[in-house]
Amino acid sequence: TTYYFLQAGASALEASNNALRESDSQYDYTLFTG
């Protein structure tokens, strides 16, 4: 089995997540609110 360990700053996470949303129409999730 496999483990994935994420370490990330919020600024880069928001950017990377929105870049994924732009590149893949099937992916449309938000990581932060407020």
PDB file of all heavy atoms in Angstrom:
ATOM      1  N   THR A   1       0.860  -1.177   0.000  1.00  0.00           N
ATOM      2  CA  THR A   1       0.000   0.000   0.000  1.00  0.00           C
ATOM      3  C   THR A   1       0.898   1.230   0.000  1.00  0.00           C
ATOM      4  O   THR A   1       2.104   1.149   0.253  1.00  0.00           O
ATOM      5  CB  THR A   1      -0.948   0.027   1.201  1.00  0.00           C
ATOM      6  OG1 THR A   1      -0.174   0.061   2.417  1.00  0.00           O
ATOM      7  CG2 THR A   1      -1.873  -1.184   1.198  1.00  0.00           C
ATOM      8  N   THR A   2       0.311   2.372  -0.283  1.00  0.00           N
ATOM      9  CA  THR A   2       1.095   3.586  -0.484  1.00  0.00           C
ATOM     10  C   THR A   2       0.577   4.719   0.390  1.00  0.00           C
ATOM     11  O   THR A   2      -0.627   4.855   0.613  1.00  0.00           O
ATOM     12  CB  THR A   2       1.024   4.020  -1.965  1.00  0.00           C
ATOM     13  OG1 THR A   2       1.517   2.957  -2.785  1.00  0.00           O
ATOM     14  CG2 THR A   2       1.859   5.263  -2.209  1.00  0.00           C
ATOM     15  N   TYR A   3       1.519   5.509   0.890  1.00  0.00           N
ATOM     16  CA  TYR A   3       1.190   6.715   1.641  1.00  0.00           C
ATOM     17  C   TYR A   3       1.634   7.933   0.830  1.00  0.00           C
ATOM     18  O   TYR A   3       2.720   7.934   0.245  1.00  0.00           O
ATOM     19  CB  TYR A   3       1.901   6.730   2.999  1.00  0.00           C
ATOM     20  CG  TYR A   3       1.356   5.737   3.992  1.00  0.00           C
ATOM     21  CD1 TYR A   3       1.810   4.421   3.997  1.00  0.00           C
ATOM     22  CD2 TYR A   3       0.391   6.110   4.923  1.00  0.00           C
ATOM     23  CE1 TYR A   3       1.309   3.500   4.906  1.00  0.00           C
ATOM     24  CE2 TYR A   3      -0.112   5.195   5.837  1.00  0.00           C
ATOM     25  CZ  TYR A   3       0.351   3.897   5.825  1.00  0.00           C
ATOM     26  OH  TYR A   3      -0.154   2.982   6.727  1.00  0.00           O
ATOM     27  N   TYR A   4       0.793   8.951   0.832  1.00  0.00           N
ATOM     28  CA  TYR A   4       1.156  10.237   0.237  1.00  0.00           C
ATOM     29  C   TYR A   4       1.139  11.288   1.333  1.00  0.00           C
ATOM     30  O   TYR A   4       0.138  11.448   2.033  1.00  0.00           O
ATOM     31  CB  TYR A   4       0.185  10.613  -0.884  1.00  0.00           C
ATOM     32  CG  TYR A   4       0.270   9.695  -2.068  1.00  0.00           C
ATOM     33  CD1 TYR A   4      -0.721   8.747  -2.305  1.00  0.00           C
ATOM     34  CD2 TYR A   4       1.358   9.750  -2.931  1.00  0.00           C
ATOM     35  CE1 TYR A   4      -0.637   7.883  -3.398  1.00  0.00           C
ATOM     36  CE2 TYR A   4       1.453   8.890  -4.021  1.00  0.00           C
ATOM     37  CZ  TYR A   4       0.451   7.960  -4.240  1.00  0.00           C
ATOM     38  OH  TYR A   4       0.555   7.098  -5.317  1.00  0.00           O
ATOM     39  N   PHE A   5       2.248  11.973   1.463  1.00  0.00           N
ATOM     40  CA  PHE A   5       2.389  12.988   2.517  1.00  0.00           C
ATOM     41  C   PHE A   5       2.475  14.360   1.869  1.00  0.00           C
ATOM     42  O   PHE A   5       3.413  14.652   1.118  1.00  0.00           O
ATOM     43  CB  PHE A   5       3.639  12.706   3.350  1.00  0.00           C
ATOM     44  CG  PHE A   5       3.797  13.616   4.538  1.00  0.00           C
ATOM     45  CD1 PHE A   5       3.070  13.393   5.698  1.00  0.00           C
ATOM     46  CD2 PHE A   5       4.657  14.699   4.490  1.00  0.00           C
ATOM     47  CE1 PHE A   5       3.211  14.237   6.797  1.00  0.00           C
ATOM     48  CE2 PHE A   5       4.807  15.552   5.578  1.00  0.00           C
ATOM     49  CZ  PHE A   5       4.069  15.314   6.740  1.00  0.00           C
ATOM     50  N   LEU A   6       1.488  15.192   2.153  1.00  0.00           N
ATOM     51  CA  LEU A   6       1.435  16.547   1.620  1.00  0.00           C
ATOM     52  C   LEU A   6       1.979  17.537   2.636  1.00  0.00           C
ATOM     53  O   LEU A   6       1.585  17.525   3.804  1.00  0.00           O
ATOM     54  CB  LEU A   6      -0.013  16.926   1.290  1.00  0.00           C
ATOM     55  CG  LEU A   6      -0.288  18.408   0.995  1.00  0.00           C
ATOM     56  CD1 LEU A   6       0.271  18.791  -0.380  1.00  0.00           C
ATOM     57  CD2 LEU A   6      -1.783  18.711   1.074  1.00  0.00           C
ATOM     58  N   GLN A   7       2.876  18.401   2.177  1.00  0.00           N
ATOM     59  CA  GLN A   7       3.344  19.557   2.948  1.00  0.00           C
ATOM     60  C   GLN A   7       3.249  20.752   2.012  1.00  0.00           C
ATOM     61  O   GLN A   7       3.872  20.750   0.947  1.00  0.00           O
ATOM     62  CB  GLN A   7       4.796  19.388   3.386  1.00  0.00           C
ATOM     63  CG  GLN A   7       5.102  18.097   4.135  1.00  0.00           C
ATOM     64  CD  GLN A   7       6.592  17.928   4.358  1.00  0.00           C
ATOM     65  OE1 GLN A   7       7.187  18.604   5.202  1.00  0.00           O
ATOM     66  NE2 GLN A   7       7.217  17.037   3.612  1.00  0.00           N
ATOM     67  N   ALA A   8       2.484  21.765   2.403  1.00  0.00           N
ATOM     68  CA  ALA A   8       2.276  22.852   1.457  1.00  0.00           C
ATOM     69  C   ALA A   8       1.886  24.143   2.155  1.00  0.00           C
ATOM     70  O   ALA A   8       1.233  24.126   3.202  1.00  0.00           O
ATOM     71  CB  ALA A   8       1.189  22.468   0.448  1.00  0.00           C
ATOM     72  N   GLY A   9       2.272  25.245   1.558  1.00  0.00           N
ATOM     73  CA  GLY A   9       1.824  26.548   2.003  1.00  0.00           C
ATOM     74  C   GLY A   9       0.477  26.873   1.366  1.00  0.00           C
ATOM     75  O   GLY A   9       0.198  26.493   0.223  1.00  0.00           O
ATOM     76  N   ALA A  10      -0.357  27.589   2.097  1.00  0.00           N
ATOM     77  CA  ALA A  10      -1.704  27.881   1.615  1.00  0.00           C
ATOM     78  C   ALA A  10      -1.691  28.699   0.321  1.00  0.00           C
ATOM     79  O   ALA A  10      -2.526  28.483  -0.566  1.00  0.00           O
ATOM     80  CB  ALA A  10      -2.490  28.615   2.695  1.00  0.00           C
ATOM     81  N   SER A  11      -0.752  29.626   0.191  1.00  0.00           N
ATOM     82  CA  SER A  11      -0.697  30.460  -1.013  1.00  0.00           C
ATOM     83  C   SER A  11      -0.491  29.615  -2.264  1.00  0.00           C
ATOM     84  O   SER A  11      -1.163  29.804  -3.287  1.00  0.00           O
ATOM     85  CB  SER A  11       0.444  31.479  -0.900  1.00  0.00           C
ATOM     86  OG  SER A  11       0.269  32.310   0.215  1.00  0.00           O
ATOM     87  N   ALA A  12       0.452  28.682  -2.195  1.00  0.00           N
ATOM     88  CA  ALA A  12       0.734  27.812  -3.336  1.00  0.00           C
ATOM     89  C   ALA A  12      -0.376  26.789  -3.540  1.00  0.00           C
ATOM     90  O   ALA A  12      -0.683  26.418  -4.683  1.00  0.00           O
ATOM     91  CB  ALA A  12       2.079  27.117  -3.143  1.00  0.00           C
ATOM     92  N   LEU A  13      -0.991  26.328  -2.453  1.00  0.00           N
ATOM     93  CA  LEU A  13      -2.094  25.370  -2.579  1.00  0.00           C
ATOM     94  C   LEU A  13      -3.261  25.982  -3.331  1.00  0.00           C
ATOM     95  O   LEU A  13      -3.831  25.359  -4.234  1.00  0.00           O
ATOM     96  CB  LEU A  13      -2.568  24.920  -1.192  1.00  0.00           C
ATOM     97  CG  LEU A  13      -1.944  23.665  -0.597  1.00  0.00           C
ATOM     98  CD1 LEU A  13      -2.466  23.458   0.814  1.00  0.00           C
ATOM     99  CD2 LEU A  13      -2.230  22.442  -1.458  1.00  0.00           C
ATOM    100  N   GLU A  14      -3.636  27.188  -2.940  1.00  0.00           N
ATOM    101  CA  GLU A  14      -4.753  27.842  -3.630  1.00  0.00           C
ATOM    102  C   GLU A  14      -4.434  28.000  -5.114  1.00  0.00           C
ATOM    103  O   GLU A  14      -5.284  27.740  -5.980  1.00  0.00           O
ATOM    104  CB  GLU A  14      -5.043  29.208  -3.013  1.00  0.00           C
ATOM    105  CG  GLU A  14      -6.245  29.898  -3.650  1.00  0.00           C
ATOM    106  CD  GLU A  14      -6.492  31.286  -3.088  1.00  0.00           C
ATOM    107  OE1 GLU A  14      -5.518  32.040  -2.861  1.00  0.00           O
ATOM    108  OE2 GLU A  14      -7.680  31.617  -2.900  1.00  0.00           O
ATOM    109  N   ALA A  15      -3.204  28.415  -5.420  1.00  0.00           N
ATOM    110  CA  ALA A  15      -2.803  28.607  -6.812  1.00  0.00           C
ATOM    111  C   ALA A  15      -2.807  27.294  -7.584  1.00  0.00           C
ATOM    112  O   ALA A  15      -3.336  27.212  -8.702  1.00  0.00           O
ATOM    113  CB  ALA A  15      -1.420  29.240  -6.865  1.00  0.00           C
ATOM    114  N   SER A  16      -2.227  26.261  -7.006  1.00  0.00           N
ATOM    115  CA  SER A  16      -2.142  24.973  -7.696  1.00  0.00           C
ATOM    116  C   SER A  16      -3.523  24.367  -7.897  1.00  0.00           C
ATOM    117  O   SER A  16      -3.811  23.771  -8.950  1.00  0.00           O
ATOM    118  CB  SER A  16      -1.273  24.000  -6.886  1.00  0.00           C
ATOM    119  OG  SER A  16       0.054  24.459  -6.820  1.00  0.00           O
ATOM    120  N   ASN A  17      -4.387  24.515  -6.907  1.00  0.00           N
ATOM    121  CA  ASN A  17      -5.732  23.976  -7.030  1.00  0.00           C
ATOM    122  C   ASN A  17      -6.507  24.679  -8.142  1.00  0.00           C
ATOM    123  O   ASN A  17      -7.191  24.035  -8.949  1.00  0.00           O
ATOM    124  CB  ASN A  17      -6.477  24.124  -5.702  1.00  0.00           C
ATOM    125  CG  ASN A  17      -7.818  23.427  -5.717  1.00  0.00           C
ATOM    126  OD1 ASN A  17      -7.893  22.206  -5.829  1.00  0.00           O
ATOM    127  ND2 ASN A  17      -8.891  24.188  -5.609  1.00  0.00           N
ATOM    128  N   ASN A  18      -6.391  25.995  -8.208  1.00  0.00           N
ATOM    129  CA  ASN A  18      -7.104  26.722  -9.254  1.00  0.00           C
ATOM    130  C   ASN A  18      -6.519  26.449 -10.633  1.00  0.00           C
ATOM    131  O   ASN A  18      -7.249  26.441 -11.627  1.00  0.00           O
ATOM    132  CB  ASN A  18      -7.112  28.212  -8.936  1.00  0.00           C
ATOM    133  CG  ASN A  18      -8.197  28.571  -7.940  1.00  0.00           C
ATOM    134  OD1 ASN A  18      -9.378  28.549  -8.249  1.00  0.00           O
ATOM    135  ND2 ASN A  18      -7.797  28.874  -6.719  1.00  0.00           N
ATOM    136  N   ALA A  19      -5.225  26.199 -10.702  1.00  0.00           N
ATOM    137  CA  ALA A  19      -4.623  25.810 -11.982  1.00  0.00           C
ATOM    138  C   ALA A  19      -5.171  24.469 -12.445  1.00  0.00           C
ATOM    139  O   ALA A  19      -5.437  24.267 -13.639  1.00  0.00           O
ATOM    140  CB  ALA A  19      -3.104  25.753 -11.846  1.00  0.00           C
ATOM    141  N   LEU A  20      -5.374  23.528 -11.513  1.00  0.00           N
ATOM    142  CA  LEU A  20      -5.976  22.241 -11.862  1.00  0.00           C
ATOM    143  C   LEU A  20      -7.409  22.429 -12.348  1.00  0.00           C
ATOM    144  O   LEU A  20      -7.842  21.784 -13.308  1.00  0.00           O
ATOM    145  CB  LEU A  20      -5.966  21.297 -10.662  1.00  0.00           C
ATOM    146  CG  LEU A  20      -4.663  20.577 -10.336  1.00  0.00           C
ATOM    147  CD1 LEU A  20      -4.844  19.696  -9.091  1.00  0.00           C
ATOM    148  CD2 LEU A  20      -4.198  19.719 -11.508  1.00  0.00           C
ATOM    149  N   ARG A  21      -8.144  23.299 -11.686  1.00  0.00           N
ATOM    150  CA  ARG A  21      -9.524  23.553 -12.093  1.00  0.00           C
ATOM    151  C   ARG A  21      -9.580  24.132 -13.503  1.00  0.00           C
ATOM    152  O   ARG A  21     -10.497  23.834 -14.278  1.00  0.00           O
ATOM    153  CB  ARG A  21     -10.203  24.501 -11.105  1.00  0.00           C
ATOM    154  CG  ARG A  21     -10.391  23.896  -9.718  1.00  0.00           C
ATOM    155  CD  ARG A  21     -10.869  24.925  -8.711  1.00  0.00           C
ATOM    156  NE  ARG A  21     -12.232  25.342  -8.976  1.00  0.00           N
ATOM    157  CZ  ARG A  21     -12.846  26.325  -8.311  1.00  0.00           C
ATOM    158  NH1 ARG A  21     -12.194  26.992  -7.363  1.00  0.00           N
ATOM    159  NH2 ARG A  21     -14.087  26.645  -8.609  1.00  0.00           N
ATOM    160  N   GLU A  22      -8.581  24.941 -13.845  1.00  0.00           N
ATOM    161  CA  GLU A  22      -8.525  25.520 -15.181  1.00  0.00           C
ATOM    162  C   GLU A  22      -8.196  24.475 -16.240  1.00  0.00           C
ATOM    163  O   GLU A  22      -8.661  24.550 -17.379  1.00  0.00           O
ATOM    164  CB  GLU A  22      -7.464  26.628 -15.230  1.00  0.00           C
ATOM    165  CG  GLU A  22      -7.824  27.887 -14.481  1.00  0.00           C
ATOM    166  CD  GLU A  22      -8.856  28.729 -15.219  1.00  0.00           C
ATOM    167  OE1 GLU A  22      -8.858  28.704 -16.467  1.00  0.00           O
ATOM    168  OE2 GLU A  22      -9.669  29.384 -14.547  1.00  0.00           O
ATOM    169  N   SER A  23      -7.391  23.479 -15.867  1.00  0.00           N
ATOM    170  CA  SER A  23      -6.892  22.514 -16.849  1.00  0.00           C
ATOM    171  C   SER A  23      -7.773  21.276 -16.996  1.00  0.00           C
ATOM    172  O   SER A  23      -7.628  20.530 -17.954  1.00  0.00           O
ATOM    173  CB  SER A  23      -5.471  22.063 -16.471  1.00  0.00           C
ATOM    174  OG  SER A  23      -5.487  21.322 -15.259  1.00  0.00           O
ATOM    175  N   ASP A  24      -8.692  21.047 -16.053  1.00  0.00           N
ATOM    176  CA  ASP A  24      -9.494  19.823 -16.070  1.00  0.00           C
ATOM    177  C   ASP A  24     -10.943  20.159 -15.732  1.00  0.00           C
ATOM    178  O   ASP A  24     -11.269  20.484 -14.594  1.00  0.00           O
ATOM    179  CB  ASP A  24      -8.929  18.817 -15.063  1.00  0.00           C
ATOM    180  CG  ASP A  24      -9.605  17.446 -15.153  1.00  0.00           C
ATOM    181  OD1 ASP A  24     -10.701  17.365 -15.740  1.00  0.00           O
ATOM    182  OD2 ASP A  24      -9.030  16.481 -14.638  1.00  0.00           O
ATOM    183  N   SER A  25     -11.806  20.034 -16.715  1.00  0.00           N
ATOM    184  CA  SER A  25     -13.207  20.401 -16.518  1.00  0.00           C
ATOM    185  C   SER A  25     -13.931  19.463 -15.555  1.00  0.00           C
ATOM    186  O   SER A  25     -15.011  19.786 -15.055  1.00  0.00           O
ATOM    187  CB  SER A  25     -13.939  20.403 -17.868  1.00  0.00           C
ATOM    188  OG  SER A  25     -13.905  19.111 -18.458  1.00  0.00           O
ATOM    189  N   GLN A  26     -13.348  18.291 -15.290  1.00  0.00           N
ATOM    190  CA  GLN A  26     -13.970  17.335 -14.379  1.00  0.00           C
ATOM    191  C   GLN A  26     -13.607  17.605 -12.917  1.00  0.00           C
ATOM    192  O   GLN A  26     -14.192  17.008 -12.013  1.00  0.00           O
ATOM    193  CB  GLN A  26     -13.549  15.907 -14.747  1.00  0.00           C
ATOM    194  CG  GLN A  26     -13.915  15.493 -16.168  1.00  0.00           C
ATOM    195  CD  GLN A  26     -15.398  15.567 -16.425  1.00  0.00           C
ATOM    196  OE1 GLN A  26     -16.197  15.053 -15.668  1.00  0.00           O
ATOM    197  NE2 GLN A  26     -15.771  16.226 -17.520  1.00  0.00           N
ATOM    198  N   TYR A  27     -12.647  18.467 -12.704  1.00  0.00           N
ATOM    199  CA  TYR A  27     -12.191  18.762 -11.342  1.00  0.00           C
ATOM    200  C   TYR A  27     -12.615  20.186 -10.987  1.00  0.00           C
ATOM    201  O   TYR A  27     -12.208  21.149 -11.639  1.00  0.00           O
ATOM    202  CB  TYR A  27     -10.665  18.632 -11.247  1.00  0.00           C
ATOM    203  CG  TYR A  27     -10.120  18.977  -9.871  1.00  0.00           C
ATOM    204  CD1 TYR A  27     -10.165  18.052  -8.840  1.00  0.00           C
ATOM    205  CD2 TYR A  27      -9.577  20.233  -9.614  1.00  0.00           C
ATOM    206  CE1 TYR A  27      -9.680  18.374  -7.577  1.00  0.00           C
ATOM    207  CE2 TYR A  27      -9.095  20.561  -8.359  1.00  0.00           C
ATOM    208  CZ  TYR A  27      -9.149  19.626  -7.348  1.00  0.00           C
ATOM    209  OH  TYR A  27      -8.677  19.951  -6.094  1.00  0.00           O
ATOM    210  N   ASP A  28     -13.414  20.326  -9.938  1.00  0.00           N
ATOM    211  CA  ASP A  28     -13.922  21.652  -9.599  1.00  0.00           C
ATOM    212  C   ASP A  28     -14.141  21.781  -8.092  1.00  0.00           C
ATOM    213  O   ASP A  28     -15.263  22.004  -7.623  1.00  0.00           O
ATOM    214  CB  ASP A  28     -15.229  21.926 -10.351  1.00  0.00           C
ATOM    215  CG  ASP A  28     -15.652  23.385 -10.246  1.00  0.00           C
ATOM    216  OD1 ASP A  28     -14.772  24.250 -10.054  1.00  0.00           O
ATOM    217  OD2 ASP A  28     -16.868  23.655 -10.336  1.00  0.00           O
ATOM    218  N   TYR A  29     -13.049  21.619  -7.342  1.00  0.00           N
ATOM    219  CA  TYR A  29     -13.139  21.679  -5.885  1.00  0.00           C
ATOM    220  C   TYR A  29     -12.409  22.913  -5.362  1.00  0.00           C
ATOM    221  O   TYR A  29     -11.422  23.367  -5.944  1.00  0.00           O
ATOM    222  CB  TYR A  29     -12.548  20.417  -5.253  1.00  0.00           C
ATOM    223  CG  TYR A  29     -13.337  19.178  -5.600  1.00  0.00           C
ATOM    224  CD1 TYR A  29     -12.966  18.358  -6.666  1.00  0.00           C
ATOM    225  CD2 TYR A  29     -14.477  18.829  -4.876  1.00  0.00           C
ATOM    226  CE1 TYR A  29     -13.691  17.230  -6.998  1.00  0.00           C
ATOM    227  CE2 TYR A  29     -15.216  17.706  -5.201  1.00  0.00           C
ATOM    228  CZ  TYR A  29     -14.812  16.907  -6.266  1.00  0.00           C
ATOM    229  OH  TYR A  29     -15.552  15.803  -6.589  1.00  0.00           O
ATOM    230  N   THR A  30     -12.900  23.425  -4.254  1.00  0.00           N
ATOM    231  CA  THR A  30     -12.309  24.572  -3.580  1.00  0.00           C
ATOM    232  C   THR A  30     -11.676  24.109  -2.276  1.00  0.00           C
ATOM    233  O   THR A  30     -12.261  23.279  -1.564  1.00  0.00           O
ATOM    234  CB  THR A  30     -13.384  25.641  -3.294  1.00  0.00           C
ATOM    235  OG1 THR A  30     -13.953  26.055  -4.534  1.00  0.00           O
ATOM    236  CG2 THR A  30     -12.782  26.845  -2.590  1.00  0.00           C
ATOM    237  N   LEU A  31     -10.498  24.633  -1.951  1.00  0.00           N
ATOM    238  CA  LEU A  31      -9.789  24.197  -0.747  1.00  0.00           C
ATOM    239  C   LEU A  31     -10.026  25.089   0.454  1.00  0.00           C
ATOM    240  O   LEU A  31      -9.884  24.648   1.596  1.00  0.00           O
ATOM    241  CB  LEU A  31      -8.281  24.129  -1.024  1.00  0.00           C
ATOM    242  CG  LEU A  31      -7.821  23.200  -2.146  1.00  0.00           C
ATOM    243  CD1 LEU A  31      -6.298  23.184  -2.220  1.00  0.00           C
ATOM    244  CD2 LEU A  31      -8.364  21.797  -1.960  1.00  0.00           C
ATOM    245  N   PHE A  32     -10.368  26.355   0.200  1.00  0.00           N
ATOM    246  CA  PHE A  32     -10.497  27.319   1.291  1.00  0.00           C
ATOM    247  C   PHE A  32     -11.775  28.140   1.126  1.00  0.00           C
ATOM    248  O   PHE A  32     -12.234  28.387   0.013  1.00  0.00           O
ATOM    249  CB  PHE A  32      -9.302  28.282   1.313  1.00  0.00           C
ATOM    250  CG  PHE A  32      -7.971  27.612   1.374  1.00  0.00           C
ATOM    251  CD1 PHE A  32      -7.203  27.446   0.226  1.00  0.00           C
ATOM    252  CD2 PHE A  32      -7.453  27.138   2.578  1.00  0.00           C
ATOM    253  CE1 PHE A  32      -5.963  26.823   0.269  1.00  0.00           C
ATOM    254  CE2 PHE A  32      -6.221  26.514   2.637  1.00  0.00           C
ATOM    255  CZ  PHE A  32      -5.477  26.365   1.483  1.00  0.00           C
ATOM    256  N   THR A  33     -12.328  28.553   2.258  1.00  0.00           N
ATOM    257  CA  THR A  33     -13.428  29.514   2.251  1.00  0.00           C
ATOM    258  C   THR A  33     -13.099  30.629   3.239  1.00  0.00           C
ATOM    259  O   THR A  33     -12.284  30.452   4.140  1.00  0.00           O
ATOM    260  CB  THR A  33     -14.758  28.862   2.670  1.00  0.00           C
ATOM    261  OG1 THR A  33     -14.634  28.332   4.002  1.00  0.00           O
ATOM    262  CG2 THR A  33     -15.146  27.760   1.713  1.00  0.00           C
ATOM    263  N   GLY A  34     -13.756  31.773   3.076  1.00  0.00           N
ATOM    264  CA  GLY A  34     -13.533  32.883   3.988  1.00  0.00           C
ATOM    265  C   GLY A  34     -12.537  33.865   3.427  1.00  0.00           C
ATOM    266  O   GLY A  34     -12.199  33.850   2.237  1.00  0.00           O
TER     267      GLY A  34
END
